[in-house]
């Protein structure tokens, strides 16, 4: 199965664009895909956003962590200025065969988890920095650091997903210690879900 693992970094924080209701205005400093067809990273800058979208559309499945509710909204905002055009672009991306691990784990547990709280107990590794640091690097023009940071996030996303497919479970940190969640993720295209479509 041809899978791409996806993550991006933004140019601006939620505070800088007027709050989390304006994710579409955050801009993209870099978007990175790891593609199972060639086992390589593919790096896209903001002016290459359509190429990134086309790459996602060529895959059998797009895997990310909160990419439906966040990354795709950033992409839609970069692609279009008008709200209606942004909504249409976001809907087209949501209609791809996506596995958003944040959404899937929340369905099982009933609450959200951070990627780091899954990756550290499951893989023994986590994120190398945080999104606020990446924003500072953008202001300082340190694109190379942003790229390396984003690559690590994509690797972690990939390895968490592949662990779940192989072992049928993930570990996660909870208030009462490390717990296990059973995973049975189909790689077939899921039916549209109202929670995925009502993000605007």
Protein backbone atom coordinates (compact mmCIF):
# COMPACT_ATOMS: atom_id res chain seq x y z
CA UNK A 1 0.00 0.00 0.00
CA UNK A 2 1.33 3.42 -0.99
CA UNK A 3 1.28 5.53 2.20
CA UNK A 4 2.57 9.04 2.77
CA UNK A 5 3.22 10.31 6.29
CA UNK A 6 2.61 14.04 6.60
CA UNK A 7 3.46 16.92 8.91
CA UNK A 8 4.05 20.64 8.48
CA UNK A 9 5.31 23.64 10.42
CA UNK A 10 3.63 27.02 10.39
CA UNK A 11 4.99 30.54 10.06
CA UNK A 12 2.80 32.06 12.74
CA UNK A 13 1.34 31.03 16.09
CA UNK A 14 -2.36 31.01 16.95
CA UNK A 15 -1.89 34.22 18.94
CA UNK A 16 -0.30 35.94 15.95
CA UNK A 17 -3.32 35.24 13.70
CA UNK A 18 -6.03 36.03 16.23
CA UNK A 19 -6.66 32.64 17.81
CA UNK A 20 -7.20 28.97 16.98
CA UNK A 21 -10.23 29.85 14.88
CA UNK A 22 -7.88 31.26 12.26
CA UNK A 23 -5.65 28.26 11.60
CA UNK A 24 -5.97 28.92 7.86
CA UNK A 25 -3.95 32.13 8.30
CA UNK A 26 -0.92 30.54 9.99
CA UNK A 27 0.99 29.93 6.76
CA UNK A 28 3.38 27.03 6.10
CA UNK A 29 7.14 27.31 6.50
CA UNK A 30 7.70 23.71 5.41
CA UNK A 31 5.66 20.58 4.73
CA UNK A 32 7.27 17.15 4.72
CA UNK A 33 6.09 13.78 3.46
CA UNK A 34 7.76 10.42 3.95
CA UNK A 35 6.70 8.14 1.11
CA UNK A 36 6.62 4.35 1.37
CA UNK A 37 7.03 4.02 -2.40
CA UNK A 38 10.63 5.27 -2.31
CA UNK A 39 11.36 5.35 1.46
CA UNK A 40 12.39 8.99 1.21
CA UNK A 41 11.48 12.37 2.62
CA UNK A 42 9.91 14.90 0.27
CA UNK A 43 10.27 18.53 1.37
CA UNK A 44 7.89 21.26 0.22
CA UNK A 45 8.08 24.99 0.90
CA UNK A 46 5.02 27.22 0.89
CA UNK A 47 5.39 28.13 -2.80
CA UNK A 48 5.30 24.38 -3.56
CA UNK A 49 2.03 23.78 -1.72
CA UNK A 50 0.14 22.48 -4.78
CA UNK A 51 2.89 19.92 -5.41
CA UNK A 52 2.50 18.72 -1.82
CA UNK A 53 -1.26 18.35 -2.32
CA UNK A 54 -0.77 16.49 -5.59
CA UNK A 55 1.68 14.14 -3.86
CA UNK A 56 -0.90 13.37 -1.16
CA UNK A 57 -3.57 12.70 -3.79
CA UNK A 58 -1.34 10.16 -5.55
CA UNK A 59 -1.03 8.05 -2.38
CA UNK A 60 -3.40 5.28 -1.30
CA UNK A 61 -3.46 6.72 2.21
CA UNK A 62 -2.28 9.85 4.04
CA UNK A 63 -1.27 9.32 7.66
CA UNK A 64 -0.72 12.09 10.18
CA UNK A 65 -1.45 13.25 13.70
CA UNK A 66 -4.17 15.93 13.79
CA UNK A 67 -3.58 16.60 10.10
CA UNK A 68 -7.31 16.65 9.30
CA UNK A 69 -8.14 19.30 11.88
CA UNK A 70 -4.93 21.30 11.66
CA UNK A 71 -2.46 20.68 8.83
CA UNK A 72 -5.13 20.43 6.12
CA UNK A 73 -6.65 23.71 7.29
CA UNK A 74 -3.24 25.38 7.05
CA UNK A 75 -2.83 23.97 3.53
CA UNK A 76 -6.30 25.19 2.50
CA UNK A 77 -5.44 28.65 3.80
CA UNK A 78 -2.23 28.79 1.80
CA UNK A 79 -4.00 27.64 -1.36
CA UNK A 80 -6.87 30.12 -1.21
CA UNK A 81 -7.75 33.54 0.19
CA UNK A 82 -11.54 33.19 0.08
CA UNK A 83 -13.29 31.30 2.87
CA UNK A 84 -15.51 29.33 0.49
CA UNK A 85 -12.51 28.24 -1.57
CA UNK A 86 -10.68 27.24 1.60
CA UNK A 87 -13.64 25.13 2.71
CA UNK A 88 -13.79 23.37 -0.64
CA UNK A 89 -10.04 22.67 -0.65
CA UNK A 90 -10.21 21.33 2.91
CA UNK A 91 -13.16 19.08 2.06
CA UNK A 92 -11.24 17.62 -0.91
CA UNK A 93 -8.33 16.76 1.37
CA UNK A 94 -10.59 15.27 4.05
CA UNK A 95 -12.15 13.04 1.39
CA UNK A 96 -8.81 11.36 0.71
CA UNK A 97 -8.15 8.07 2.47
CA UNK A 98 -6.78 9.54 5.70
CA UNK A 99 -5.64 7.95 8.93
CA UNK A 100 -5.50 10.76 11.46
CA UNK A 101 -4.13 9.01 14.52
CA UNK A 102 -5.32 11.73 16.89
CA UNK A 103 -8.89 11.25 15.65
CA UNK A 104 -8.66 7.45 15.69
CA UNK A 105 -7.23 7.19 19.20
CA UNK A 106 -9.78 9.69 20.51
CA UNK A 107 -12.58 7.49 19.15
CA UNK A 108 -11.30 4.65 21.32
CA UNK A 109 -10.30 6.50 24.49
CA UNK A 110 -12.79 9.35 24.39
CA UNK A 111 -10.14 12.03 24.84
CA UNK A 112 -7.22 13.53 22.94
CA UNK A 113 -3.58 12.57 23.40
CA UNK A 114 -0.41 14.33 22.34
CA UNK A 115 1.84 12.53 19.87
CA UNK A 116 4.66 12.67 22.41
CA UNK A 117 2.58 10.92 25.07
CA UNK A 118 2.16 7.98 22.68
CA UNK A 119 5.60 7.98 21.05
CA UNK A 120 7.73 8.00 24.20
CA UNK A 121 6.24 4.90 25.86
CA UNK A 122 5.64 3.09 22.56
CA UNK A 123 8.91 3.82 20.76
CA UNK A 124 11.20 5.14 23.47
CA UNK A 125 11.67 8.37 21.52
CA UNK A 126 9.71 11.58 21.14
CA UNK A 127 9.71 14.97 19.52
CA UNK A 128 13.08 16.74 19.32
CA UNK A 129 11.69 20.21 20.11
CA UNK A 130 8.30 21.93 20.07
CA UNK A 131 6.28 24.01 17.66
CA UNK A 132 7.11 27.27 19.43
CA UNK A 133 10.81 26.65 18.86
CA UNK A 134 10.09 26.07 15.16
CA UNK A 135 8.31 29.44 15.03
CA UNK A 136 11.38 31.12 16.48
CA UNK A 137 13.57 29.43 13.91
CA UNK A 138 11.29 30.76 11.17
CA UNK A 139 11.69 34.31 12.48
CA UNK A 140 15.44 33.79 12.54
CA UNK A 141 15.48 32.40 8.99
CA UNK A 142 16.78 29.00 10.13
CA UNK A 143 14.85 26.90 7.63
CA UNK A 144 17.35 24.04 7.86
CA UNK A 145 16.55 23.61 11.57
CA UNK A 146 12.81 23.65 10.87
CA UNK A 147 13.25 20.97 8.22
CA UNK A 148 15.25 18.70 10.52
CA UNK A 149 12.72 19.18 13.33
CA UNK A 150 9.78 18.43 11.04
CA UNK A 151 11.54 15.34 9.68
CA UNK A 152 11.75 13.94 13.21
CA UNK A 153 8.01 14.51 13.69
CA UNK A 154 7.27 12.72 10.43
CA UNK A 155 9.53 9.82 11.44
CA UNK A 156 7.81 9.54 14.82
CA UNK A 157 4.38 9.65 13.14
CA UNK A 158 5.45 6.93 10.71
CA UNK A 159 6.94 4.69 13.37
CA UNK A 160 3.93 5.01 15.71
CA UNK A 161 1.58 4.11 12.86
CA UNK A 162 3.67 1.18 11.69
CA UNK A 163 3.97 -0.10 15.26
CA UNK A 164 0.18 -0.01 15.56
CA UNK A 165 -0.28 -1.90 12.29
CA UNK A 166 2.30 -4.53 13.26
CA UNK A 167 1.43 -5.06 16.93
CA UNK A 168 -2.23 -4.02 17.10
CA UNK A 169 -1.65 -1.73 20.06
CA UNK A 170 0.00 1.45 21.27
CA UNK A 171 1.23 2.52 24.68
CA UNK A 172 0.41 5.94 26.09
CA UNK A 173 1.08 8.01 29.19
CA UNK A 174 -1.87 8.62 31.46
CA UNK A 175 -2.31 10.19 34.88
CA UNK A 176 -2.11 6.72 36.41
CA UNK A 177 0.93 5.56 34.43
CA UNK A 178 1.55 3.90 31.07
CA UNK A 179 -1.48 2.18 29.57
CA UNK A 180 -2.17 0.14 26.43
CA UNK A 181 -4.78 0.86 23.78
CA UNK A 182 -5.73 -1.85 21.30
CA UNK A 183 -5.63 -0.73 17.67
CA UNK A 184 -7.31 -2.25 14.63
CA UNK A 185 -6.90 0.28 11.89
CA UNK A 186 -8.27 -0.57 8.48
CA UNK A 187 -6.32 0.75 5.53
CA UNK A 188 -9.46 0.92 3.44
CA UNK A 189 -11.06 4.27 2.68
CA UNK A 190 -13.39 5.12 5.60
CA UNK A 191 -16.86 6.55 5.21
CA UNK A 192 -17.14 10.31 5.64
CA UNK A 193 -17.71 11.30 9.23
CA UNK A 194 -19.52 14.37 10.40
CA UNK A 195 -16.78 15.26 12.90
CA UNK A 196 -14.23 15.34 10.09
CA UNK A 197 -16.38 17.49 7.84
CA UNK A 198 -17.41 20.16 10.35
CA UNK A 199 -14.06 21.73 11.14
CA UNK A 200 -14.93 25.27 9.95
